[in-house]
Amino acid sequence: MRKETPSSIEADPPLHPAQAAELANAREAFELNKTDELWKEFGYCAGKQKEFMKNSIAATAMCDVCLVKVECLEFAIENNQNFYIWGGKTPSERKRLIKRRNQAPKK
């Protein structure tokens, strides 16, 4: 089993140029319409959560190209979500991320 390093946890897969352009356009539209909870409607998993609850590989793959991945991850961290994939991270990955954040020097 491959041991995950912080860089392997944080890295996003490379996108095809057309996919990157679509993601940039969607992100811009999202930012123009953003409210506290509106981000949830933009998630690729919106309305499909039950399909992916027990399949972390499929859920993580969906998160990899989701335009609200960052907002989703922050929501999970801020609201102590201890189950399922949020923002492309498993509960154990989120715990490690929180630990690293807490250990980082304050700016």
PDB file of N, CA and C in Angstrom:
ATOM      1  N   MET A   1       0.848  -1.184   0.000  1.00  0.00           N
ATOM      2  CA  MET A   1       0.000   0.000   0.000  1.00  0.00           C
ATOM      3  C   MET A   1       0.890   1.242   0.000  1.00  0.00           C
ATOM      4  N   ARG A   2       0.577   2.172  -0.865  1.00  0.00           N
ATOM      5  CA  ARG A   2       1.355   3.397  -1.003  1.00  0.00           C
ATOM      6  C   ARG A   2       1.038   4.343   0.143  1.00  0.00           C
ATOM      7  N   LYS A   3       2.089   4.852   0.775  1.00  0.00           N
ATOM      8  CA  LYS A   3       1.895   5.823   1.849  1.00  0.00           C
ATOM      9  C   LYS A   3       1.666   7.195   1.226  1.00  0.00           C
ATOM     10  N   GLU A   4       0.641   7.874   1.696  1.00  0.00           N
ATOM     11  CA  GLU A   4       0.333   9.189   1.152  1.00  0.00           C
ATOM     12  C   GLU A   4       1.209  10.236   1.804  1.00  0.00           C
ATOM     13  N   THR A   5       1.697  11.135   1.007  1.00  0.00           N
ATOM     14  CA  THR A   5       2.463  12.263   1.506  1.00  0.00           C
ATOM     15  C   THR A   5       1.588  13.494   1.384  1.00  0.00           C
ATOM     16  N   PRO A   6       1.912  14.572   2.112  1.00  0.00           N
ATOM     17  CA  PRO A   6       1.087  15.779   1.989  1.00  0.00           C
ATOM     18  C   PRO A   6       0.921  16.238   0.546  1.00  0.00           C
ATOM     19  N   SER A   7       1.977  16.113  -0.262  1.00  0.00           N
ATOM     20  CA  SER A   7       1.849  16.563  -1.650  1.00  0.00           C
ATOM     21  C   SER A   7       0.903  15.677  -2.445  1.00  0.00           C
ATOM     22  N   SER A   8       0.859  14.369  -2.133  1.00  0.00           N
ATOM     23  CA  SER A   8      -0.056  13.492  -2.872  1.00  0.00           C
ATOM     24  C   SER A   8      -1.493  13.720  -2.451  1.00  0.00           C
ATOM     25  N   ILE A   9      -1.705  14.181  -1.241  1.00  0.00           N
ATOM     26  CA  ILE A   9      -3.058  14.462  -0.764  1.00  0.00           C
ATOM     27  C   ILE A   9      -3.558  15.772  -1.353  1.00  0.00           C
ATOM     28  N   GLU A  10      -2.679  16.751  -1.472  1.00  0.00           N
ATOM     29  CA  GLU A  10      -3.063  18.083  -1.916  1.00  0.00           C
ATOM     30  C   GLU A  10      -3.148  18.212  -3.436  1.00  0.00           C
ATOM     31  N   ALA A  11      -2.446  17.375  -4.169  1.00  0.00           N
ATOM     32  CA  ALA A  11      -2.330  17.553  -5.614  1.00  0.00           C
ATOM     33  C   ALA A  11      -3.628  17.234  -6.342  1.00  0.00           C
ATOM     34  N   ASP A  12      -3.933  18.060  -7.315  1.00  0.00           N
ATOM     35  CA  ASP A  12      -5.072  17.811  -8.189  1.00  0.00           C
ATOM     36  C   ASP A  12      -4.549  17.200  -9.482  1.00  0.00           C
ATOM     37  N   PRO A  13      -5.324  16.331 -10.109  1.00  0.00           N
ATOM     38  CA  PRO A  13      -4.878  15.753 -11.377  1.00  0.00           C
ATOM     39  C   PRO A  13      -4.880  16.818 -12.470  1.00  0.00           C
ATOM     40  N   PRO A  14      -4.019  16.666 -13.471  1.00  0.00           N
ATOM     41  CA  PRO A  14      -4.014  17.644 -14.564  1.00  0.00           C
ATOM     42  C   PRO A  14      -5.311  17.563 -15.364  1.00  0.00           C
ATOM     43  N   LEU A  15      -5.755  18.706 -15.838  1.00  0.00           N
ATOM     44  CA  LEU A  15      -6.989  18.773 -16.616  1.00  0.00           C
ATOM     45  C   LEU A  15      -6.671  18.967 -18.092  1.00  0.00           C
ATOM     46  N   HIS A  16      -7.533  18.440 -18.940  1.00  0.00           N
ATOM     47  CA  HIS A  16      -7.473  18.698 -20.375  1.00  0.00           C
ATOM     48  C   HIS A  16      -7.760  20.193 -20.555  1.00  0.00           C
ATOM     49  N   PRO A  17      -7.131  20.878 -21.516  1.00  0.00           N
ATOM     50  CA  PRO A  17      -7.349  22.318 -21.694  1.00  0.00           C
ATOM     51  C   PRO A  17      -8.825  22.714 -21.816  1.00  0.00           C
ATOM     52  N   ALA A  18      -9.624  21.928 -22.525  1.00  0.00           N
ATOM     53  CA  ALA A  18     -11.054  22.248 -22.656  1.00  0.00           C
ATOM     54  C   ALA A  18     -11.751  22.128 -21.302  1.00  0.00           C
ATOM     55  N   GLN A  19     -11.359  21.123 -20.539  1.00  0.00           N
ATOM     56  CA  GLN A  19     -11.933  20.924 -19.209  1.00  0.00           C
ATOM     57  C   GLN A  19     -11.527  22.087 -18.296  1.00  0.00           C
ATOM     58  N   ALA A  20     -10.279  22.517 -18.390  1.00  0.00           N
ATOM     59  CA  ALA A  20      -9.791  23.627 -17.579  1.00  0.00           C
ATOM     60  C   ALA A  20     -10.539  24.915 -17.916  1.00  0.00           C
ATOM     61  N   ALA A  21     -10.787  25.152 -19.203  1.00  0.00           N
ATOM     62  CA  ALA A  21     -11.525  26.348 -19.620  1.00  0.00           C
ATOM     63  C   ALA A  21     -12.962  26.306 -19.113  1.00  0.00           C
ATOM     64  N   GLU A  22     -13.590  25.141 -19.216  1.00  0.00           N
ATOM     65  CA  GLU A  22     -14.959  24.989 -18.722  1.00  0.00           C
ATOM     66  C   GLU A  22     -15.009  25.219 -17.215  1.00  0.00           C
ATOM     67  N   LEU A  23     -14.041  24.680 -16.510  1.00  0.00           N
ATOM     68  CA  LEU A  23     -13.976  24.845 -15.068  1.00  0.00           C
ATOM     69  C   LEU A  23     -13.767  26.311 -14.697  1.00  0.00           C
ATOM     70  N   ALA A  24     -12.905  27.010 -15.429  1.00  0.00           N
ATOM     71  CA  ALA A  24     -12.663  28.429 -15.172  1.00  0.00           C
ATOM     72  C   ALA A  24     -13.933  29.246 -15.406  1.00  0.00           C
ATOM     73  N   ASN A  25     -14.658  28.964 -16.475  1.00  0.00           N
ATOM     74  CA  ASN A  25     -15.910  29.676 -16.753  1.00  0.00           C
ATOM     75  C   ASN A  25     -16.957  29.393 -15.685  1.00  0.00           C
ATOM     76  N   ALA A  26     -17.053  28.142 -15.271  1.00  0.00           N
ATOM     77  CA  ALA A  26     -18.020  27.778 -14.236  1.00  0.00           C
ATOM     78  C   ALA A  26     -17.657  28.431 -12.913  1.00  0.00           C
ATOM     79  N   ARG A  27     -16.364  28.450 -12.585  1.00  0.00           N
ATOM     80  CA  ARG A  27     -15.915  29.074 -11.339  1.00  0.00           C
ATOM     81  C   ARG A  27     -16.252  30.562 -11.354  1.00  0.00           C
ATOM     82  N   GLU A  28     -16.039  31.228 -12.489  1.00  0.00           N
ATOM     83  CA  GLU A  28     -16.356  32.651 -12.600  1.00  0.00           C
ATOM     84  C   GLU A  28     -17.848  32.883 -12.393  1.00  0.00           C
ATOM     85  N   ALA A  29     -18.685  32.070 -13.020  1.00  0.00           N
ATOM     86  CA  ALA A  29     -20.139  32.187 -12.841  1.00  0.00           C
ATOM     87  C   ALA A  29     -20.519  31.925 -11.393  1.00  0.00           C
ATOM     88  N   PHE A  30     -19.880  30.939 -10.790  1.00  0.00           N
ATOM     89  CA  PHE A  30     -20.147  30.625  -9.392  1.00  0.00           C
ATOM     90  C   PHE A  30     -19.789  31.803  -8.501  1.00  0.00           C
ATOM     91  N   GLU A  31     -18.616  32.393  -8.702  1.00  0.00           N
ATOM     92  CA  GLU A  31     -18.174  33.509  -7.868  1.00  0.00           C
ATOM     93  C   GLU A  31     -19.132  34.694  -7.980  1.00  0.00           C
ATOM     94  N   LEU A  32     -19.694  34.905  -9.155  1.00  0.00           N
ATOM     95  CA  LEU A  32     -20.634  36.007  -9.341  1.00  0.00           C
ATOM     96  C   LEU A  32     -21.946  35.767  -8.596  1.00  0.00           C
ATOM     97  N   ASN A  33     -22.308  34.511  -8.367  1.00  0.00           N
ATOM     98  CA  ASN A  33     -23.588  34.167  -7.741  1.00  0.00           C
ATOM     99  C   ASN A  33     -23.433  33.558  -6.350  1.00  0.00           C
ATOM    100  N   LYS A  34     -22.274  33.670  -5.775  1.00  0.00           N
ATOM    101  CA  LYS A  34     -21.956  32.960  -4.527  1.00  0.00           C
ATOM    102  C   LYS A  34     -22.711  33.533  -3.319  1.00  0.00           C
ATOM    103  N   THR A  35     -23.283  32.630  -2.537  1.00  0.00           N
ATOM    104  CA  THR A  35     -23.815  32.962  -1.217  1.00  0.00           C
ATOM    105  C   THR A  35     -23.334  31.872  -0.281  1.00  0.00           C
ATOM    106  N   ASP A  36     -23.618  32.003   0.989  1.00  0.00           N
ATOM    107  CA  ASP A  36     -23.106  31.040   1.975  1.00  0.00           C
ATOM    108  C   ASP A  36     -23.402  29.586   1.628  1.00  0.00           C
ATOM    109  N   GLU A  37     -24.603  29.278   1.224  1.00  0.00           N
ATOM    110  CA  GLU A  37     -24.971  27.884   0.976  1.00  0.00           C
ATOM    111  C   GLU A  37     -25.192  27.562  -0.505  1.00  0.00           C
ATOM    112  N   LEU A  38     -25.151  28.549  -1.352  1.00  0.00           N
ATOM    113  CA  LEU A  38     -25.402  28.328  -2.773  1.00  0.00           C
ATOM    114  C   LEU A  38     -24.378  27.389  -3.398  1.00  0.00           C
ATOM    115  N   TRP A  39     -23.168  27.347  -2.862  1.00  0.00           N
ATOM    116  CA  TRP A  39     -22.122  26.497  -3.444  1.00  0.00           C
ATOM    117  C   TRP A  39     -22.573  25.052  -3.565  1.00  0.00           C
ATOM    118  N   LYS A  40     -23.420  24.603  -2.646  1.00  0.00           N
ATOM    119  CA  LYS A  40     -23.861  23.205  -2.655  1.00  0.00           C
ATOM    120  C   LYS A  40     -24.600  22.850  -3.945  1.00  0.00           C
ATOM    121  N   GLU A  41     -25.303  23.803  -4.516  1.00  0.00           N
ATOM    122  CA  GLU A  41     -26.045  23.558  -5.757  1.00  0.00           C
ATOM    123  C   GLU A  41     -25.117  23.376  -6.956  1.00  0.00           C
ATOM    124  N   PHE A  42     -23.894  23.885  -6.858  1.00  0.00           N
ATOM    125  CA  PHE A  42     -22.933  23.801  -7.950  1.00  0.00           C
ATOM    126  C   PHE A  42     -22.098  22.527  -7.899  1.00  0.00           C
ATOM    127  N   GLY A  43     -22.203  21.768  -6.817  1.00  0.00           N
ATOM    128  CA  GLY A  43     -21.410  20.547  -6.676  1.00  0.00           C
ATOM    129  C   GLY A  43     -21.823  19.489  -7.680  1.00  0.00           C
ATOM    130  N   TYR A  44     -20.853  18.792  -8.243  1.00  0.00           N
ATOM    131  CA  TYR A  44     -21.158  17.711  -9.184  1.00  0.00           C
ATOM    132  C   TYR A  44     -21.950  16.600  -8.515  1.00  0.00           C
ATOM    133  N   CYS A  45     -21.835  16.496  -7.200  1.00  0.00           N
ATOM    134  CA  CYS A  45     -22.544  15.434  -6.485  1.00  0.00           C
ATOM    135  C   CYS A  45     -23.948  15.860  -6.051  1.00  0.00           C
ATOM    136  N   ALA A  46     -24.333  17.104  -6.317  1.00  0.00           N
ATOM    137  CA  ALA A  46     -25.647  17.593  -5.879  1.00  0.00           C
ATOM    138  C   ALA A  46     -26.750  16.659  -6.366  1.00  0.00           C
ATOM    139  N   GLY A  47     -27.496  16.118  -5.416  1.00  0.00           N
ATOM    140  CA  GLY A  47     -28.579  15.204  -5.743  1.00  0.00           C
ATOM    141  C   GLY A  47     -28.138  13.773  -5.997  1.00  0.00           C
ATOM    142  N   LYS A  48     -26.837  13.520  -5.921  1.00  0.00           N
ATOM    143  CA  LYS A  48     -26.324  12.176  -6.214  1.00  0.00           C
ATOM    144  C   LYS A  48     -25.555  11.584  -5.034  1.00  0.00           C
ATOM    145  N   GLN A  49     -25.629  12.212  -3.868  1.00  0.00           N
ATOM    146  CA  GLN A  49     -24.820  11.787  -2.734  1.00  0.00           C
ATOM    147  C   GLN A  49     -25.009  10.317  -2.379  1.00  0.00           C
ATOM    148  N   LYS A  50     -26.235   9.822  -2.412  1.00  0.00           N
ATOM    149  CA  LYS A  50     -26.488   8.429  -2.030  1.00  0.00           C
ATOM    150  C   LYS A  50     -25.771   7.454  -2.951  1.00  0.00           C
ATOM    151  N   GLU A  51     -25.621   7.826  -4.218  1.00  0.00           N
ATOM    152  CA  GLU A  51     -24.939   6.965  -5.183  1.00  0.00           C
ATOM    153  C   GLU A  51     -23.461   6.778  -4.842  1.00  0.00           C
ATOM    154  N   PHE A  52     -22.878   7.763  -4.163  1.00  0.00           N
ATOM    155  CA  PHE A  52     -21.436   7.751  -3.940  1.00  0.00           C
ATOM    156  C   PHE A  52     -21.029   7.569  -2.485  1.00  0.00           C
ATOM    157  N   MET A  53     -21.993   7.463  -1.573  1.00  0.00           N
ATOM    158  CA  MET A  53     -21.656   7.361  -0.154  1.00  0.00           C
ATOM    159  C   MET A  53     -20.736   6.193   0.161  1.00  0.00           C
ATOM    160  N   LYS A  54     -20.940   5.072  -0.494  1.00  0.00           N
ATOM    161  CA  LYS A  54     -20.149   3.884  -0.181  1.00  0.00           C
ATOM    162  C   LYS A  54     -19.055   3.621  -1.211  1.00  0.00           C
ATOM    163  N   ASN A  55     -18.901   4.500  -2.184  1.00  0.00           N
ATOM    164  CA  ASN A  55     -17.890   4.308  -3.220  1.00  0.00           C
ATOM    165  C   ASN A  55     -16.938   5.502  -3.210  1.00  0.00           C
ATOM    166  N   SER A  56     -15.934   5.434  -2.353  1.00  0.00           N
ATOM    167  CA  SER A  56     -15.035   6.575  -2.196  1.00  0.00           C
ATOM    168  C   SER A  56     -14.208   6.848  -3.449  1.00  0.00           C
ATOM    169  N   ILE A  57     -13.921   5.827  -4.240  1.00  0.00           N
ATOM    170  CA  ILE A  57     -13.150   6.039  -5.472  1.00  0.00           C
ATOM    171  C   ILE A  57     -13.960   6.874  -6.458  1.00  0.00           C
ATOM    172  N   ALA A  58     -15.224   6.529  -6.653  1.00  0.00           N
ATOM    173  CA  ALA A  58     -16.090   7.298  -7.559  1.00  0.00           C
ATOM    174  C   ALA A  58     -16.320   8.704  -7.019  1.00  0.00           C
ATOM    175  N   ALA A  59     -16.524   8.817  -5.715  1.00  0.00           N
ATOM    176  CA  ALA A  59     -16.759  10.133  -5.114  1.00  0.00           C
ATOM    177  C   ALA A  59     -15.535  11.024  -5.280  1.00  0.00           C
ATOM    178  N   THR A  60     -14.363  10.487  -5.010  1.00  0.00           N
ATOM    179  CA  THR A  60     -13.133  11.266  -5.142  1.00  0.00           C
ATOM    180  C   THR A  60     -12.900  11.675  -6.591  1.00  0.00           C
ATOM    181  N   ALA A  61     -13.190  10.792  -7.529  1.00  0.00           N
ATOM    182  CA  ALA A  61     -13.034  11.123  -8.947  1.00  0.00           C
ATOM    183  C   ALA A  61     -13.967  12.267  -9.338  1.00  0.00           C
ATOM    184  N   MET A  62     -15.187  12.247  -8.811  1.00  0.00           N
ATOM    185  CA  MET A  62     -16.127  13.324  -9.098  1.00  0.00           C
ATOM    186  C   MET A  62     -15.611  14.633  -8.497  1.00  0.00           C
ATOM    187  N   CYS A  63     -15.089  14.565  -7.293  1.00  0.00           N
ATOM    188  CA  CYS A  63     -14.574  15.761  -6.621  1.00  0.00           C
ATOM    189  C   CYS A  63     -13.388  16.366  -7.371  1.00  0.00           C
ATOM    190  N   ASP A  64     -12.601  15.513  -8.009  1.00  0.00           N
ATOM    191  CA  ASP A  64     -11.396  15.996  -8.687  1.00  0.00           C
ATOM    192  C   ASP A  64     -11.689  17.081  -9.714  1.00  0.00           C
ATOM    193  N   VAL A  65     -12.859  17.062 -10.315  1.00  0.00           N
ATOM    194  CA  VAL A  65     -13.189  18.056 -11.342  1.00  0.00           C
ATOM    195  C   VAL A  65     -14.330  18.981 -10.920  1.00  0.00           C
ATOM    196  N   CYS A  66     -14.710  18.926  -9.666  1.00  0.00           N
ATOM    197  CA  CYS A  66     -15.834  19.738  -9.187  1.00  0.00           C
ATOM    198  C   CYS A  66     -15.394  21.177  -8.941  1.00  0.00           C
ATOM    199  N   LEU A  67     -16.195  22.121  -9.379  1.00  0.00           N
ATOM    200  CA  LEU A  67     -15.822  23.522  -9.240  1.00  0.00           C
ATOM    201  C   LEU A  67     -15.995  24.059  -7.829  1.00  0.00           C
ATOM    202  N   VAL A  68     -16.654  23.352  -6.934  1.00  0.00           N
ATOM    203  CA  VAL A  68     -16.804  23.822  -5.556  1.00  0.00           C
ATOM    204  C   VAL A  68     -16.054  22.921  -4.573  1.00  0.00           C
ATOM    205  N   LYS A  69     -15.035  22.267  -5.057  1.00  0.00           N
ATOM    206  CA  LYS A  69     -14.246  21.350  -4.225  1.00  0.00           C
ATOM    207  C   LYS A  69     -13.688  22.057  -2.987  1.00  0.00           C
ATOM    208  N   VAL A  70     -13.154  23.239  -3.156  1.00  0.00           N
ATOM    209  CA  VAL A  70     -12.556  23.979  -2.041  1.00  0.00           C
ATOM    210  C   VAL A  70     -13.620  24.365  -1.020  1.00  0.00           C
ATOM    211  N   GLU A  71     -14.743  24.894  -1.494  1.00  0.00           N
ATOM    212  CA  GLU A  71     -15.824  25.287  -0.583  1.00  0.00           C
ATOM    213  C   GLU A  71     -16.364  24.077   0.172  1.00  0.00           C
ATOM    214  N   CYS A  72     -16.483  22.971  -0.515  1.00  0.00           N
ATOM    215  CA  CYS A  72     -16.978  21.734   0.083  1.00  0.00           C
ATOM    216  C   CYS A  72     -16.036  21.256   1.189  1.00  0.00           C
ATOM    217  N   LEU A  73     -14.748  21.263   0.900  1.00  0.00           N
ATOM    218  CA  LEU A  73     -13.761  20.835   1.888  1.00  0.00           C
ATOM    219  C   LEU A  73     -13.789  21.752   3.106  1.00  0.00           C
ATOM    220  N   GLU A  74     -13.841  23.058   2.875  1.00  0.00           N
ATOM    221  CA  GLU A  74     -13.884  24.001   3.998  1.00  0.00           C
ATOM    222  C   GLU A  74     -15.153  23.813   4.830  1.00  0.00           C
ATOM    223  N   PHE A  75     -16.275  23.568   4.168  1.00  0.00           N
ATOM    224  CA  PHE A  75     -17.526  23.309   4.883  1.00  0.00           C
ATOM    225  C   PHE A  75     -17.371  22.089   5.783  1.00  0.00           C
ATOM    226  N   ALA A  76     -16.794  21.027   5.245  1.00  0.00           N
ATOM    227  CA  ALA A  76     -16.615  19.789   6.013  1.00  0.00           C
ATOM    228  C   ALA A  76     -15.727  20.020   7.225  1.00  0.00           C
ATOM    229  N   ILE A  77     -14.664  20.777   7.043  1.00  0.00           N
ATOM    230  CA  ILE A  77     -13.747  21.054   8.153  1.00  0.00           C
ATOM    231  C   ILE A  77     -14.421  21.931   9.199  1.00  0.00           C
ATOM    232  N   GLU A  78     -15.063  23.005   8.756  1.00  0.00           N
ATOM    233  CA  GLU A  78     -15.709  23.933   9.687  1.00  0.00           C
ATOM    234  C   GLU A  78     -16.874  23.295  10.438  1.00  0.00           C
ATOM    235  N   ASN A  79     -17.512  22.298   9.844  1.00  0.00           N
ATOM    236  CA  ASN A  79     -18.690  21.670  10.452  1.00  0.00           C
ATOM    237  C   ASN A  79     -18.416  20.258  10.974  1.00  0.00           C
ATOM    238  N   ASN A  80     -17.138  19.926  11.137  1.00  0.00           N
ATOM    239  CA  ASN A  80     -16.732  18.640  11.720  1.00  0.00           C
ATOM    240  C   ASN A  80     -17.422  17.445  11.081  1.00  0.00           C
ATOM    241  N   GLN A  81     -17.433  17.411   9.757  1.00  0.00           N
ATOM    242  CA  GLN A  81     -18.007  16.269   9.045  1.00  0.00           C
ATOM    243  C   GLN A  81     -17.037  15.092   9.165  1.00  0.00           C
ATOM    244  N   ASN A  82     -17.434  14.062   9.873  1.00  0.00           N
ATOM    245  CA  ASN A  82     -16.544  12.935  10.156  1.00  0.00           C
ATOM    246  C   ASN A  82     -16.803  11.714   9.286  1.00  0.00           C
ATOM    247  N   PHE A  83     -17.668  11.836   8.316  1.00  0.00           N
ATOM    248  CA  PHE A  83     -18.000  10.705   7.459  1.00  0.00           C
ATOM    249  C   PHE A  83     -18.007  11.144   6.000  1.00  0.00           C
ATOM    250  N   TYR A  84     -17.754  10.202   5.128  1.00  0.00           N
ATOM    251  CA  TYR A  84     -17.865  10.364   3.677  1.00  0.00           C
ATOM    252  C   TYR A  84     -16.801  11.294   3.103  1.00  0.00           C
ATOM    253  N   ILE A  85     -16.814  11.381   1.799  1.00  0.00           N
ATOM    254  CA  ILE A  85     -15.881  12.226   1.058  1.00  0.00           C
ATOM    255  C   ILE A  85     -16.475  13.632   0.975  1.00  0.00           C
ATOM    256  N   TRP A  86     -15.669  14.606   1.323  1.00  0.00           N
ATOM    257  CA  TRP A  86     -16.040  16.020   1.198  1.00  0.00           C
ATOM    258  C   TRP A  86     -14.847  16.733   0.565  1.00  0.00           C
ATOM    259  N   GLY A  87     -15.078  17.471  -0.490  1.00  0.00           N
ATOM    260  CA  GLY A  87     -13.995  18.210  -1.126  1.00  0.00           C
ATOM    261  C   GLY A  87     -12.856  17.325  -1.598  1.00  0.00           C
ATOM    262  N   GLY A  88     -13.176  16.090  -1.936  1.00  0.00           N
ATOM    263  CA  GLY A  88     -12.174  15.166  -2.442  1.00  0.00           C
ATOM    264  C   GLY A  88     -11.310  14.513  -1.379  1.00  0.00           C
ATOM    265  N   LYS A  89     -11.646  14.716  -0.116  1.00  0.00           N
ATOM    266  CA  LYS A  89     -10.841  14.163   0.976  1.00  0.00           C
ATOM    267  C   LYS A  89     -11.662  13.213   1.838  1.00  0.00           C
ATOM    268  N   THR A  90     -11.014  12.142   2.278  1.00  0.00           N
ATOM    269  CA  THR A  90     -11.632  11.209   3.214  1.00  0.00           C
ATOM    270  C   THR A  90     -11.580  11.816   4.613  1.00  0.00           C
ATOM    271  N   PRO A  91     -12.320  11.255   5.562  1.00  0.00           N
ATOM    272  CA  PRO A  91     -12.232  11.768   6.936  1.00  0.00           C
ATOM    273  C   PRO A  91     -10.796  11.775   7.476  1.00  0.00           C
ATOM    274  N   SER A  92     -10.029  10.729   7.221  1.00  0.00           N
ATOM    275  CA  SER A  92      -8.650  10.696   7.736  1.00  0.00           C
ATOM    276  C   SER A  92      -7.771  11.743   7.047  1.00  0.00           C
ATOM    277  N   GLU A  93      -7.988  11.984   5.756  1.00  0.00           N
ATOM    278  CA  GLU A  93      -7.233  13.037   5.059  1.00  0.00           C
ATOM    279  C   GLU A  93      -7.586  14.409   5.619  1.00  0.00           C
ATOM    280  N   ARG A  94      -8.860  14.623   5.929  1.00  0.00           N
ATOM    281  CA  ARG A  94      -9.266  15.909   6.516  1.00  0.00           C
ATOM    282  C   ARG A  94      -8.643  16.094   7.895  1.00  0.00           C
ATOM    283  N   LYS A  95      -8.580  15.033   8.681  1.00  0.00           N
ATOM    284  CA  LYS A  95      -7.952  15.132  10.012  1.00  0.00           C
ATOM    285  C   LYS A  95      -6.484  15.514   9.886  1.00  0.00           C
ATOM    286  N   ARG A  96      -5.778  14.907   8.926  1.00  0.00           N
ATOM    287  CA  ARG A  96      -4.365  15.253   8.718  1.00  0.00           C
ATOM    288  C   ARG A  96      -4.223  16.704   8.259  1.00  0.00           C
ATOM    289  N   LEU A  97      -5.118  17.141   7.398  1.00  0.00           N
ATOM    290  CA  LEU A  97      -5.084  18.520   6.919  1.00  0.00           C
ATOM    291  C   LEU A  97      -5.308  19.493   8.074  1.00  0.00           C
ATOM    292  N   ILE A  98      -6.275  19.211   8.920  1.00  0.00           N
ATOM    293  CA  ILE A  98      -6.545  20.059  10.090  1.00  0.00           C
ATOM    294  C   ILE A  98      -5.320  20.095  10.998  1.00  0.00           C
ATOM    295  N   LYS A  99      -4.716  18.944  11.222  1.00  0.00           N
ATOM    296  CA  LYS A  99      -3.530  18.870  12.077  1.00  0.00           C
ATOM    297  C   LYS A  99      -2.404  19.731  11.508  1.00  0.00           C
ATOM    298  N   ARG A 100      -2.168  19.631  10.187  1.00  0.00           N
ATOM    299  CA  ARG A 100      -1.125  20.454   9.552  1.00  0.00           C
ATOM    300  C   ARG A 100      -1.453  21.936   9.674  1.00  0.00           C
ATOM    301  N   ARG A 101      -2.713  22.287   9.479  1.00  0.00           N
ATOM    302  CA  ARG A 101      -3.106  23.697   9.607  1.00  0.00           C
ATOM    303  C   ARG A 101      -2.856  24.203  11.020  1.00  0.00           C
ATOM    304  N   ASN A 102      -3.184  23.387  12.001  1.00  0.00           N
ATOM    305  CA  ASN A 102      -3.003  23.791  13.396  1.00  0.00           C
ATOM    306  C   ASN A 102      -1.534  23.896  13.778  1.00  0.00           C
ATOM    307  N   GLN A 103      -0.674  23.146  13.112  1.00  0.00           N
ATOM    308  CA  GLN A 103       0.757  23.171  13.407  1.00  0.00           C
ATOM    309  C   GLN A 103       1.491  24.259  12.629  1.00  0.00           C
ATOM    310  N   ALA A 104       0.867  24.784  11.596  1.00  0.00           N
ATOM    311  CA  ALA A 104       1.510  25.806  10.765  1.00  0.00           C
ATOM    312  C   ALA A 104       1.677  27.094  11.568  1.00  0.00           C
ATOM    313  N   PRO A 105       2.797  27.795  11.365  1.00  0.00           N
ATOM    314  CA  PRO A 105       2.990  29.067  12.072  1.00  0.00           C
ATOM    315  C   PRO A 105       1.913  30.073  11.670  1.00  0.00           C
ATOM    316  N   LYS A 106       1.433  30.797  12.643  1.00  0.00           N
ATOM    317  CA  LYS A 106       0.400  31.814  12.392  1.00  0.00           C
ATOM    318  C   LYS A 106       1.034  33.014  11.706  1.00  0.00           C
ATOM    319  N   LYS A 107       0.309  33.561  10.725  1.00  0.00           N
ATOM    320  CA  LYS A 107       0.812  34.742   9.990  1.00  0.00           C
ATOM    321  C   LYS A 107       0.292  36.002  10.620  1.00  0.00           C
TER     322      LYS A 107
END
